[in-house]
Each structure stands twice: as structure tokens, then as C-alpha cells.
Amino acid sequence: MSKFLVFGHQNPDTDAIASSYGWAHLEREVFGRDAEAVALGTPNEETAFALEYFGVTAPRVVESAKAEGVNQVILTDHNEFQQSIADIKEVEVAAVIDHHRVANFETANPLYMRLEPVGSASSIVYRAFKENGVTPPKEVAGLLLSGLISDTLLLKSPTTHATDPQVAAELAEIAGVNL
């Protein structure tokens, strides 16, 4: 079985890190695949705070999937190749989990692609947990909540979807934090 790298966009924000961490957890624990969340840059201060608060080690930073011996990748919180890993055109994109418009995207093979007009990629990842009948661990829920809160500007952004407040409430309960 080949290993997947799961990552958000370059210059990662909290949603990019949280959604990749959450999706990698799903890949390993629910789908039984070898997946590692990595980052395409050093986490910013906000993200570093969330990682520390929820007791999660920051994902290692990678610049090339091929250099890691990986041929398949999963993109979260982005789909544009110019926002992705340097050698994106040399590997197979196995899946995309995103909440942005699709632009400049083409693959050689079919893939799992989940795009929803919600406030964050973290919202989509949480939905996938629920659809599979799995409650995310406390630290995963906390990171997903952080990604959602960050991308929706405390649920006040115009991009906040009508379902995001309920997702946030459920994640907060699992993570054991108050909104």
C-alpha cells in the first residue's frame, strides 16, 4: 500500500493545517490507508497556538512529494496547482477537499473531489467524520474548530455557511471548549 501525503496550501493558515490533519486521521483510522499530514510552510502564530493548545505536534514541512518517496497526494483547502507543492504535476492527486472555487485544475486520473460552499475545509472534514459514523478525537475536533473559526472570522464572514454555526457547536462540545 502506498503512502499519501495530505496537505493544505503554501503559506498555510489554520484551516489548511487543521483540515489536512483531520483528513489524514480519517484516511488512517477510517479508510485504513497510510497517510501523513504535512505542511507546505511553517504554521503561523494562530495555527501554532491551536496546535499547542490541543496538544498536537506541528506537521513537518515538506517541499517535494517525490523527495519523500510519495506518488499520491491529497489536497485540502486548495485546488490550484500554483498554491500547492512544487512537484504537484509529477504526482497523482488522489483527492481534493476544498471550499474554494476550482481554477486551473486538471488530472490524468479520476479522483475523489469534495467541494462544498461552506466556510472552511475543516467543516467538510468534520462532515466526513459524521458521515462515516466516527467522532473525531478531542484534539482533531479542536483543530477543526480552530480552522472553521479562523476561516469564518468567528462565524461573521460573508463566506460563513448556514450550517457552520452548528458544526462549530458540535466540534466545541467534542473538544471540550466554549465558543
N, C-alpha and C. Protein backbone atom coordinates (compact mmCIF):
# COMPACT_ATOMS: atom_id res chain seq x y z
N MET A 1 0.85 -1.18 0.00
CA MET A 1 0.00 0.00 0.00
C MET A 1 0.89 1.24 0.00
N SER A 2 0.57 2.17 -0.86
CA SER A 2 1.39 3.37 -0.94
C SER A 2 0.94 4.42 0.06
N LYS A 3 1.86 5.26 0.41
CA LYS A 3 1.60 6.31 1.38
C LYS A 3 1.08 7.56 0.67
N PHE A 4 0.16 8.24 1.33
CA PHE A 4 -0.38 9.51 0.87
C PHE A 4 0.17 10.64 1.74
N LEU A 5 0.54 11.74 1.13
CA LEU A 5 0.78 12.97 1.87
C LEU A 5 -0.49 13.80 1.75
N VAL A 6 -0.91 14.37 2.87
CA VAL A 6 -2.11 15.21 2.91
C VAL A 6 -1.66 16.60 3.33
N PHE A 7 -2.00 17.60 2.53
CA PHE A 7 -1.54 18.96 2.86
C PHE A 7 -2.47 20.02 2.31
N GLY A 8 -2.43 21.17 3.00
CA GLY A 8 -3.12 22.37 2.54
C GLY A 8 -2.19 23.17 1.65
N HIS A 9 -2.55 24.41 1.42
CA HIS A 9 -1.82 25.28 0.50
C HIS A 9 -0.51 25.80 1.09
N GLN A 10 0.31 26.42 0.22
CA GLN A 10 1.54 27.08 0.66
C GLN A 10 1.17 28.20 1.62
N ASN A 11 2.12 28.61 2.45
CA ASN A 11 1.85 29.62 3.48
C ASN A 11 0.58 29.25 4.25
N PRO A 12 0.59 28.09 4.88
CA PRO A 12 -0.64 27.54 5.45
C PRO A 12 -1.24 28.37 6.58
N ASP A 13 -2.56 28.50 6.52
CA ASP A 13 -3.30 29.11 7.61
C ASP A 13 -3.85 27.98 8.49
N THR A 14 -4.66 28.34 9.47
CA THR A 14 -5.15 27.34 10.41
C THR A 14 -6.03 26.31 9.72
N ASP A 15 -6.88 26.74 8.79
CA ASP A 15 -7.75 25.79 8.10
C ASP A 15 -6.94 24.80 7.25
N ALA A 16 -5.89 25.28 6.60
CA ALA A 16 -5.05 24.39 5.79
C ALA A 16 -4.41 23.30 6.65
N ILE A 17 -3.89 23.68 7.80
CA ILE A 17 -3.25 22.71 8.69
C ILE A 17 -4.30 21.80 9.33
N ALA A 18 -5.38 22.38 9.84
CA ALA A 18 -6.40 21.60 10.54
C ALA A 18 -7.08 20.60 9.62
N SER A 19 -7.46 21.04 8.43
CA SER A 19 -8.16 20.14 7.51
C SER A 19 -7.25 19.00 7.05
N SER A 20 -5.98 19.29 6.82
CA SER A 20 -5.07 18.22 6.40
C SER A 20 -4.84 17.23 7.54
N TYR A 21 -4.71 17.74 8.76
CA TYR A 21 -4.53 16.87 9.92
C TYR A 21 -5.76 15.98 10.11
N GLY A 22 -6.94 16.60 10.03
CA GLY A 22 -8.18 15.84 10.19
C GLY A 22 -8.39 14.81 9.10
N TRP A 23 -8.11 15.20 7.84
CA TRP A 23 -8.32 14.25 6.74
C TRP A 23 -7.31 13.10 6.82
N ALA A 24 -6.08 13.38 7.19
CA ALA A 24 -5.09 12.31 7.34
C ALA A 24 -5.54 11.33 8.42
N HIS A 25 -6.14 11.84 9.49
CA HIS A 25 -6.66 10.97 10.54
C HIS A 25 -7.76 10.07 9.97
N LEU A 26 -8.68 10.63 9.19
CA LEU A 26 -9.73 9.84 8.55
C LEU A 26 -9.11 8.76 7.65
N GLU A 27 -8.15 9.14 6.85
CA GLU A 27 -7.51 8.19 5.94
C GLU A 27 -6.94 7.00 6.71
N ARG A 28 -6.27 7.28 7.81
CA ARG A 28 -5.64 6.21 8.60
C ARG A 28 -6.67 5.38 9.37
N GLU A 29 -7.48 6.05 10.15
CA GLU A 29 -8.34 5.37 11.12
C GLU A 29 -9.65 4.85 10.55
N VAL A 30 -10.17 5.48 9.52
CA VAL A 30 -11.46 5.06 8.96
C VAL A 30 -11.28 4.30 7.65
N PHE A 31 -10.43 4.82 6.77
CA PHE A 31 -10.27 4.21 5.45
C PHE A 31 -9.11 3.21 5.40
N GLY A 32 -8.30 3.15 6.48
CA GLY A 32 -7.22 2.17 6.56
C GLY A 32 -6.06 2.41 5.61
N ARG A 33 -5.82 3.67 5.26
CA ARG A 33 -4.72 4.00 4.35
C ARG A 33 -3.58 4.66 5.12
N ASP A 34 -2.39 4.52 4.59
CA ASP A 34 -1.21 5.15 5.17
C ASP A 34 -1.17 6.60 4.72
N ALA A 35 -1.44 7.52 5.63
CA ALA A 35 -1.50 8.94 5.28
C ALA A 35 -0.82 9.77 6.36
N GLU A 36 -0.11 10.78 5.92
CA GLU A 36 0.57 11.69 6.84
C GLU A 36 0.21 13.13 6.49
N ALA A 37 -0.23 13.88 7.48
CA ALA A 37 -0.45 15.32 7.29
C ALA A 37 0.90 16.01 7.33
N VAL A 38 1.16 16.81 6.32
CA VAL A 38 2.39 17.61 6.26
C VAL A 38 1.99 19.04 5.92
N ALA A 39 2.94 19.94 5.99
CA ALA A 39 2.67 21.35 5.70
C ALA A 39 3.59 21.84 4.59
N LEU A 40 3.11 22.82 3.85
CA LEU A 40 3.91 23.43 2.78
C LEU A 40 4.49 24.75 3.24
N GLY A 41 4.71 24.87 4.52
CA GLY A 41 5.29 26.06 5.12
C GLY A 41 5.12 25.99 6.62
N THR A 42 5.82 26.85 7.31
CA THR A 42 5.74 26.88 8.77
C THR A 42 4.40 27.45 9.21
N PRO A 43 3.73 26.80 10.16
CA PRO A 43 2.46 27.32 10.66
C PRO A 43 2.61 28.74 11.23
N ASN A 44 1.59 29.57 10.99
CA ASN A 44 1.61 30.94 11.52
C ASN A 44 1.33 30.91 13.03
N GLU A 45 1.38 32.07 13.66
CA GLU A 45 1.21 32.15 15.13
C GLU A 45 -0.12 31.60 15.59
N GLU A 46 -1.19 31.96 14.90
CA GLU A 46 -2.52 31.49 15.27
C GLU A 46 -2.57 29.96 15.23
N THR A 47 -2.05 29.40 14.16
CA THR A 47 -2.05 27.95 14.00
C THR A 47 -1.17 27.28 15.05
N ALA A 48 -0.01 27.85 15.30
CA ALA A 48 0.89 27.31 16.32
C ALA A 48 0.20 27.30 17.68
N PHE A 49 -0.57 28.34 17.98
CA PHE A 49 -1.31 28.39 19.24
C PHE A 49 -2.32 27.25 19.31
N ALA A 50 -3.09 27.06 18.23
CA ALA A 50 -4.10 26.00 18.22
C ALA A 50 -3.45 24.62 18.37
N LEU A 51 -2.37 24.40 17.65
CA LEU A 51 -1.66 23.12 17.76
C LEU A 51 -1.21 22.87 19.20
N GLU A 52 -0.60 23.87 19.80
CA GLU A 52 -0.13 23.73 21.18
C GLU A 52 -1.30 23.54 22.14
N TYR A 53 -2.34 24.34 21.98
CA TYR A 53 -3.49 24.27 22.89
C TYR A 53 -4.12 22.87 22.90
N PHE A 54 -4.21 22.27 21.71
CA PHE A 54 -4.84 20.95 21.62
C PHE A 54 -3.84 19.80 21.67
N GLY A 55 -2.58 20.12 21.98
CA GLY A 55 -1.57 19.09 22.20
C GLY A 55 -1.16 18.32 20.95
N VAL A 56 -1.14 19.01 19.83
CA VAL A 56 -0.79 18.36 18.56
C VAL A 56 0.57 18.88 18.09
N THR A 57 1.43 17.98 17.71
CA THR A 57 2.73 18.36 17.15
C THR A 57 2.52 18.93 15.75
N ALA A 58 3.17 20.04 15.47
CA ALA A 58 3.05 20.66 14.15
C ALA A 58 3.50 19.67 13.08
N PRO A 59 2.78 19.62 11.96
CA PRO A 59 3.21 18.72 10.89
C PRO A 59 4.56 19.17 10.33
N ARG A 60 5.33 18.21 9.87
CA ARG A 60 6.62 18.57 9.31
C ARG A 60 6.42 19.28 7.97
N VAL A 61 7.34 20.16 7.65
CA VAL A 61 7.27 20.93 6.41
C VAL A 61 7.99 20.16 5.31
N VAL A 62 7.32 20.02 4.17
CA VAL A 62 7.92 19.34 3.01
C VAL A 62 7.88 20.26 1.80
N GLU A 63 8.80 20.05 0.89
CA GLU A 63 8.85 20.86 -0.33
C GLU A 63 8.59 20.03 -1.58
N SER A 64 8.74 18.71 -1.47
CA SER A 64 8.60 17.84 -2.63
C SER A 64 8.00 16.51 -2.20
N ALA A 65 6.94 16.08 -2.88
CA ALA A 65 6.36 14.78 -2.58
C ALA A 65 7.27 13.66 -3.06
N LYS A 66 7.83 13.82 -4.24
CA LYS A 66 8.71 12.79 -4.81
C LYS A 66 9.93 12.56 -3.92
N ALA A 67 10.47 13.64 -3.35
CA ALA A 67 11.63 13.51 -2.46
C ALA A 67 11.28 12.70 -1.21
N GLU A 68 9.99 12.66 -0.88
CA GLU A 68 9.51 11.88 0.27
C GLU A 68 9.20 10.44 -0.13
N GLY A 69 9.38 10.12 -1.41
CA GLY A 69 9.07 8.78 -1.89
C GLY A 69 7.58 8.53 -2.06
N VAL A 70 6.82 9.61 -2.24
CA VAL A 70 5.37 9.52 -2.33
C VAL A 70 4.92 9.84 -3.76
N ASN A 71 3.97 9.05 -4.25
CA ASN A 71 3.44 9.28 -5.59
C ASN A 71 2.01 9.77 -5.60
N GLN A 72 1.33 9.74 -4.44
CA GLN A 72 -0.06 10.17 -4.35
C GLN A 72 -0.21 11.19 -3.24
N VAL A 73 -1.01 12.22 -3.53
CA VAL A 73 -1.23 13.28 -2.55
C VAL A 73 -2.72 13.58 -2.45
N ILE A 74 -3.08 14.17 -1.33
CA ILE A 74 -4.44 14.64 -1.08
C ILE A 74 -4.34 16.11 -0.71
N LEU A 75 -5.09 16.94 -1.43
CA LEU A 75 -5.07 18.38 -1.20
C LEU A 75 -6.25 18.77 -0.33
N THR A 76 -6.00 19.59 0.67
CA THR A 76 -7.09 20.18 1.44
C THR A 76 -6.96 21.70 1.38
N ASP A 77 -8.08 22.37 1.44
CA ASP A 77 -8.15 23.83 1.49
C ASP A 77 -7.53 24.52 0.27
N HIS A 78 -7.36 23.80 -0.82
CA HIS A 78 -6.90 24.39 -2.08
C HIS A 78 -7.05 23.38 -3.20
N ASN A 79 -7.08 23.90 -4.42
CA ASN A 79 -7.09 23.01 -5.58
C ASN A 79 -6.26 23.57 -6.72
N GLU A 80 -5.78 24.79 -6.59
CA GLU A 80 -4.97 25.40 -7.64
C GLU A 80 -3.53 24.93 -7.51
N PHE A 81 -2.99 24.42 -8.60
CA PHE A 81 -1.64 23.86 -8.57
C PHE A 81 -0.59 24.89 -8.15
N GLN A 82 -0.79 26.15 -8.51
CA GLN A 82 0.21 27.17 -8.14
C GLN A 82 0.23 27.43 -6.63
N GLN A 83 -0.78 26.97 -5.90
CA GLN A 83 -0.80 27.11 -4.44
C GLN A 83 -0.28 25.85 -3.75
N SER A 84 0.10 24.85 -4.54
CA SER A 84 0.39 23.54 -3.99
C SER A 84 1.89 23.23 -3.93
N ILE A 85 2.19 21.99 -3.69
CA ILE A 85 3.57 21.52 -3.58
C ILE A 85 4.29 21.70 -4.92
N ALA A 86 5.59 21.91 -4.85
CA ALA A 86 6.38 22.25 -6.05
C ALA A 86 6.25 21.21 -7.17
N ASP A 87 6.21 19.94 -6.81
CA ASP A 87 6.17 18.90 -7.84
C ASP A 87 4.77 18.30 -8.03
N ILE A 88 3.75 19.11 -7.86
CA ILE A 88 2.36 18.63 -7.93
C ILE A 88 2.05 17.96 -9.27
N LYS A 89 2.64 18.41 -10.34
CA LYS A 89 2.36 17.83 -11.66
C LYS A 89 3.06 16.50 -11.89
N GLU A 90 3.94 16.12 -10.96
CA GLU A 90 4.69 14.87 -11.08
C GLU A 90 4.12 13.75 -10.22
N VAL A 91 3.05 14.05 -9.47
CA VAL A 91 2.43 13.05 -8.61
C VAL A 91 0.94 12.96 -8.94
N GLU A 92 0.32 11.91 -8.44
CA GLU A 92 -1.11 11.74 -8.66
C GLU A 92 -1.88 12.41 -7.53
N VAL A 93 -2.83 13.26 -7.89
CA VAL A 93 -3.73 13.85 -6.91
C VAL A 93 -4.86 12.84 -6.71
N ALA A 94 -4.90 12.23 -5.54
CA ALA A 94 -5.89 11.19 -5.25
C ALA A 94 -7.21 11.77 -4.77
N ALA A 95 -7.14 12.96 -4.13
CA ALA A 95 -8.36 13.57 -3.60
C ALA A 95 -8.14 15.06 -3.38
N VAL A 96 -9.25 15.79 -3.40
CA VAL A 96 -9.26 17.22 -3.08
C VAL A 96 -10.44 17.46 -2.15
N ILE A 97 -10.18 18.12 -1.03
CA ILE A 97 -11.20 18.51 -0.06
C ILE A 97 -11.10 20.03 0.05
N ASP A 98 -12.10 20.76 -0.46
CA ASP A 98 -11.93 22.20 -0.56
C ASP A 98 -13.26 22.94 -0.50
N HIS A 99 -13.16 24.23 -0.21
CA HIS A 99 -14.34 25.10 -0.17
C HIS A 99 -14.14 26.34 -1.04
N HIS A 100 -13.17 26.31 -1.92
CA HIS A 100 -12.89 27.43 -2.81
C HIS A 100 -13.34 27.12 -4.24
N ARG A 101 -13.32 28.12 -5.08
CA ARG A 101 -13.63 27.91 -6.50
C ARG A 101 -12.57 26.99 -7.10
N VAL A 102 -12.93 26.33 -8.17
CA VAL A 102 -11.98 25.48 -8.87
C VAL A 102 -11.33 26.31 -9.98
N ALA A 103 -10.01 26.25 -10.04
CA ALA A 103 -9.30 27.01 -11.06
C ALA A 103 -8.04 26.27 -11.49
N ASN A 104 -7.79 26.24 -12.78
CA ASN A 104 -6.55 25.66 -13.32
C ASN A 104 -6.30 24.26 -12.77
N PHE A 105 -7.30 23.41 -12.81
CA PHE A 105 -7.17 22.08 -12.22
C PHE A 105 -7.44 21.01 -13.26
N GLU A 106 -6.48 20.13 -13.42
CA GLU A 106 -6.62 19.03 -14.37
C GLU A 106 -5.80 17.85 -13.86
N THR A 107 -6.36 16.66 -13.96
CA THR A 107 -5.63 15.46 -13.55
C THR A 107 -5.67 14.42 -14.66
N ALA A 108 -4.74 13.49 -14.60
CA ALA A 108 -4.68 12.42 -15.58
C ALA A 108 -5.64 11.28 -15.23
N ASN A 109 -5.98 11.16 -13.95
CA ASN A 109 -6.82 10.06 -13.48
C ASN A 109 -8.02 10.58 -12.71
N PRO A 110 -9.09 9.77 -12.63
CA PRO A 110 -10.22 10.15 -11.78
C PRO A 110 -9.76 10.28 -10.33
N LEU A 111 -10.47 11.06 -9.56
CA LEU A 111 -10.10 11.27 -8.17
C LEU A 111 -11.34 11.52 -7.33
N TYR A 112 -11.16 11.45 -6.02
CA TYR A 112 -12.22 11.83 -5.09
C TYR A 112 -12.10 13.34 -4.94
N MET A 113 -13.18 14.05 -5.24
CA MET A 113 -13.14 15.50 -5.15
C MET A 113 -14.39 15.95 -4.40
N ARG A 114 -14.16 16.60 -3.28
CA ARG A 114 -15.28 17.08 -2.47
C ARG A 114 -15.14 18.58 -2.29
N LEU A 115 -16.02 19.29 -2.95
CA LEU A 115 -16.05 20.75 -2.89
C LEU A 115 -17.41 21.17 -2.37
N GLU A 116 -17.42 21.99 -1.35
CA GLU A 116 -18.68 22.48 -0.79
C GLU A 116 -18.56 23.96 -0.50
N PRO A 117 -19.65 24.70 -0.73
CA PRO A 117 -19.62 26.15 -0.49
C PRO A 117 -19.85 26.49 0.99
N VAL A 118 -18.97 25.99 1.84
CA VAL A 118 -19.07 26.24 3.28
C VAL A 118 -17.93 27.15 3.71
N GLY A 119 -17.88 27.47 4.98
CA GLY A 119 -16.91 28.45 5.46
C GLY A 119 -15.48 27.97 5.57
N SER A 120 -15.25 26.66 5.58
CA SER A 120 -13.88 26.16 5.73
C SER A 120 -13.78 24.73 5.24
N ALA A 121 -12.58 24.33 4.90
CA ALA A 121 -12.33 22.92 4.57
C ALA A 121 -12.52 22.06 5.81
N SER A 122 -12.24 22.63 6.98
CA SER A 122 -12.43 21.90 8.24
C SER A 122 -13.88 21.49 8.43
N SER A 123 -14.82 22.31 7.97
CA SER A 123 -16.25 21.96 8.04
C SER A 123 -16.52 20.70 7.24
N ILE A 124 -15.93 20.61 6.06
CA ILE A 124 -16.13 19.46 5.18
C ILE A 124 -15.52 18.20 5.81
N VAL A 125 -14.35 18.34 6.39
CA VAL A 125 -13.70 17.19 7.03
C VAL A 125 -14.57 16.67 8.17
N TYR A 126 -15.13 17.57 8.98
CA TYR A 126 -15.99 17.13 10.07
C TYR A 126 -17.22 16.40 9.53
N ARG A 127 -17.81 16.90 8.45
CA ARG A 127 -18.96 16.22 7.85
C ARG A 127 -18.58 14.79 7.45
N ALA A 128 -17.38 14.62 6.92
CA ALA A 128 -16.93 13.28 6.52
C ALA A 128 -16.82 12.35 7.73
N PHE A 129 -16.34 12.87 8.85
CA PHE A 129 -16.32 12.07 10.08
C PHE A 129 -17.73 11.60 10.40
N LYS A 130 -18.68 12.54 10.42
CA LYS A 130 -20.06 12.21 10.77
C LYS A 130 -20.66 11.20 9.80
N GLU A 131 -20.43 11.41 8.52
CA GLU A 131 -20.98 10.50 7.51
C GLU A 131 -20.46 9.08 7.67
N ASN A 132 -19.28 8.94 8.23
CA ASN A 132 -18.69 7.62 8.45
C ASN A 132 -18.97 7.09 9.85
N GLY A 133 -19.82 7.79 10.60
CA GLY A 133 -20.21 7.34 11.93
C GLY A 133 -19.10 7.38 12.95
N VAL A 134 -18.16 8.31 12.76
CA VAL A 134 -16.99 8.41 13.63
C VAL A 134 -16.94 9.79 14.29
N THR A 135 -16.71 9.80 15.59
CA THR A 135 -16.49 11.06 16.29
C THR A 135 -15.00 11.34 16.28
N PRO A 136 -14.61 12.53 15.83
CA PRO A 136 -13.17 12.82 15.83
C PRO A 136 -12.63 12.89 17.25
N PRO A 137 -11.39 12.49 17.46
CA PRO A 137 -10.79 12.64 18.79
C PRO A 137 -10.79 14.12 19.20
N LYS A 138 -10.71 14.34 20.49
CA LYS A 138 -10.77 15.69 21.05
C LYS A 138 -9.81 16.65 20.36
N GLU A 139 -8.55 16.22 20.16
CA GLU A 139 -7.56 17.13 19.57
C GLU A 139 -7.87 17.42 18.10
N VAL A 140 -8.40 16.44 17.38
CA VAL A 140 -8.78 16.67 15.98
C VAL A 140 -9.97 17.63 15.92
N ALA A 141 -10.95 17.41 16.79
CA ALA A 141 -12.11 18.30 16.84
C ALA A 141 -11.68 19.72 17.17
N GLY A 142 -10.76 19.87 18.11
CA GLY A 142 -10.27 21.20 18.46
C GLY A 142 -9.58 21.90 17.31
N LEU A 143 -8.76 21.16 16.57
CA LEU A 143 -8.10 21.76 15.40
C LEU A 143 -9.11 22.12 14.32
N LEU A 144 -10.07 21.23 14.05
CA LEU A 144 -11.08 21.53 13.04
C LEU A 144 -11.90 22.76 13.44
N LEU A 145 -12.24 22.86 14.71
CA LEU A 145 -12.94 24.05 15.20
C LEU A 145 -12.09 25.29 14.98
N SER A 146 -10.81 25.19 15.27
CA SER A 146 -9.90 26.33 15.07
C SER A 146 -9.86 26.75 13.61
N GLY A 147 -9.80 25.78 12.70
CA GLY A 147 -9.80 26.08 11.27
C GLY A 147 -11.08 26.76 10.84
N LEU A 148 -12.20 26.27 11.33
CA LEU A 148 -13.51 26.85 11.00
C LEU A 148 -13.63 28.27 11.54
N ILE A 149 -13.30 28.46 12.80
CA ILE A 149 -13.39 29.78 13.43
C ILE A 149 -12.47 30.78 12.74
N SER A 150 -11.29 30.33 12.37
CA SER A 150 -10.33 31.22 11.71
C SER A 150 -10.81 31.64 10.32
N ASP A 151 -11.23 30.66 9.51
CA ASP A 151 -11.62 30.98 8.13
C ASP A 151 -12.92 31.77 8.05
N THR A 152 -13.79 31.62 9.04
CA THR A 152 -15.07 32.35 9.01
C THR A 152 -15.03 33.61 9.86
N LEU A 153 -13.85 33.95 10.36
CA LEU A 153 -13.71 35.16 11.21
C LEU A 153 -14.74 35.15 12.33
N LEU A 154 -14.66 34.10 13.14
CA LEU A 154 -15.57 33.91 14.28
C LEU A 154 -17.02 33.78 13.84
N LEU A 155 -17.24 33.13 12.71
CA LEU A 155 -18.57 32.89 12.13
C LEU A 155 -19.25 34.17 11.67
N LYS A 156 -18.49 35.23 11.41
CA LYS A 156 -19.05 36.51 10.99
C LYS A 156 -18.72 36.87 9.53
N SER A 157 -17.90 36.08 8.88
CA SER A 157 -17.52 36.35 7.50
C SER A 157 -18.70 36.11 6.56
N PRO A 158 -18.77 36.83 5.45
CA PRO A 158 -19.82 36.57 4.46
C PRO A 158 -19.74 35.16 3.88
N THR A 159 -18.59 34.51 3.99
CA THR A 159 -18.46 33.14 3.48
C THR A 159 -18.96 32.09 4.47
N THR A 160 -19.36 32.51 5.66
CA THR A 160 -19.89 31.56 6.64
C THR A 160 -21.18 30.95 6.09
N HIS A 161 -21.24 29.64 6.09
CA HIS A 161 -22.42 28.93 5.59
C HIS A 161 -23.42 28.78 6.74
N ALA A 162 -24.68 28.63 6.40
CA ALA A 162 -25.73 28.49 7.42
C ALA A 162 -25.49 27.31 8.35
N THR A 163 -24.78 26.29 7.89
CA THR A 163 -24.52 25.11 8.72
C THR A 163 -23.29 25.25 9.61
N ASP A 164 -22.45 26.24 9.34
CA ASP A 164 -21.19 26.37 10.08
C ASP A 164 -21.37 26.60 11.59
N PRO A 165 -22.35 27.40 12.04
CA PRO A 165 -22.51 27.55 13.49
C PRO A 165 -22.82 26.22 14.20
N GLN A 166 -23.63 25.37 13.59
CA GLN A 166 -23.93 24.07 14.19
C GLN A 166 -22.70 23.18 14.20
N VAL A 167 -21.94 23.20 13.10
CA VAL A 167 -20.69 22.43 13.04
C VAL A 167 -19.76 22.91 14.15
N ALA A 168 -19.64 24.22 14.32
CA ALA A 168 -18.77 24.78 15.36
C ALA A 168 -19.22 24.34 16.75
N ALA A 169 -20.53 24.37 16.99
CA ALA A 169 -21.05 23.96 18.30
C ALA A 169 -20.74 22.49 18.58
N GLU A 170 -20.91 21.63 17.59
CA GLU A 170 -20.63 20.21 17.77
C GLU A 170 -19.14 19.97 18.01
N LEU A 171 -18.30 20.64 17.24
CA LEU A 171 -16.86 20.48 17.42
C LEU A 171 -16.41 21.00 18.79
N ALA A 172 -16.99 22.12 19.23
CA ALA A 172 -16.63 22.67 20.54
C ALA A 172 -16.99 21.70 21.66
N GLU A 173 -18.15 21.06 21.53
CA GLU A 173 -18.56 20.09 22.55
C GLU A 173 -17.59 18.91 22.59
N ILE A 174 -17.22 18.39 21.44
CA ILE A 174 -16.28 17.26 21.38
C ILE A 174 -14.92 17.67 21.95
N ALA A 175 -14.48 18.88 21.59
CA ALA A 175 -13.16 19.36 22.02
C ALA A 175 -13.14 19.81 23.47
N GLY A 176 -14.32 19.98 24.06
CA GLY A 176 -14.39 20.41 25.46
C GLY A 176 -14.05 21.87 25.67
N VAL A 177 -14.43 22.71 24.70
CA VAL A 177 -14.17 24.15 24.81
C VAL A 177 -15.47 24.92 24.64
N ASN A 178 -15.48 26.14 25.13
CA ASN A 178 -16.63 27.02 24.96
C ASN A 178 -16.42 27.91 23.75
N LEU A 179 -17.50 28.15 23.03
CA LEU A 179 -17.42 29.07 21.89
C LEU A 179 -17.55 30.50 22.36
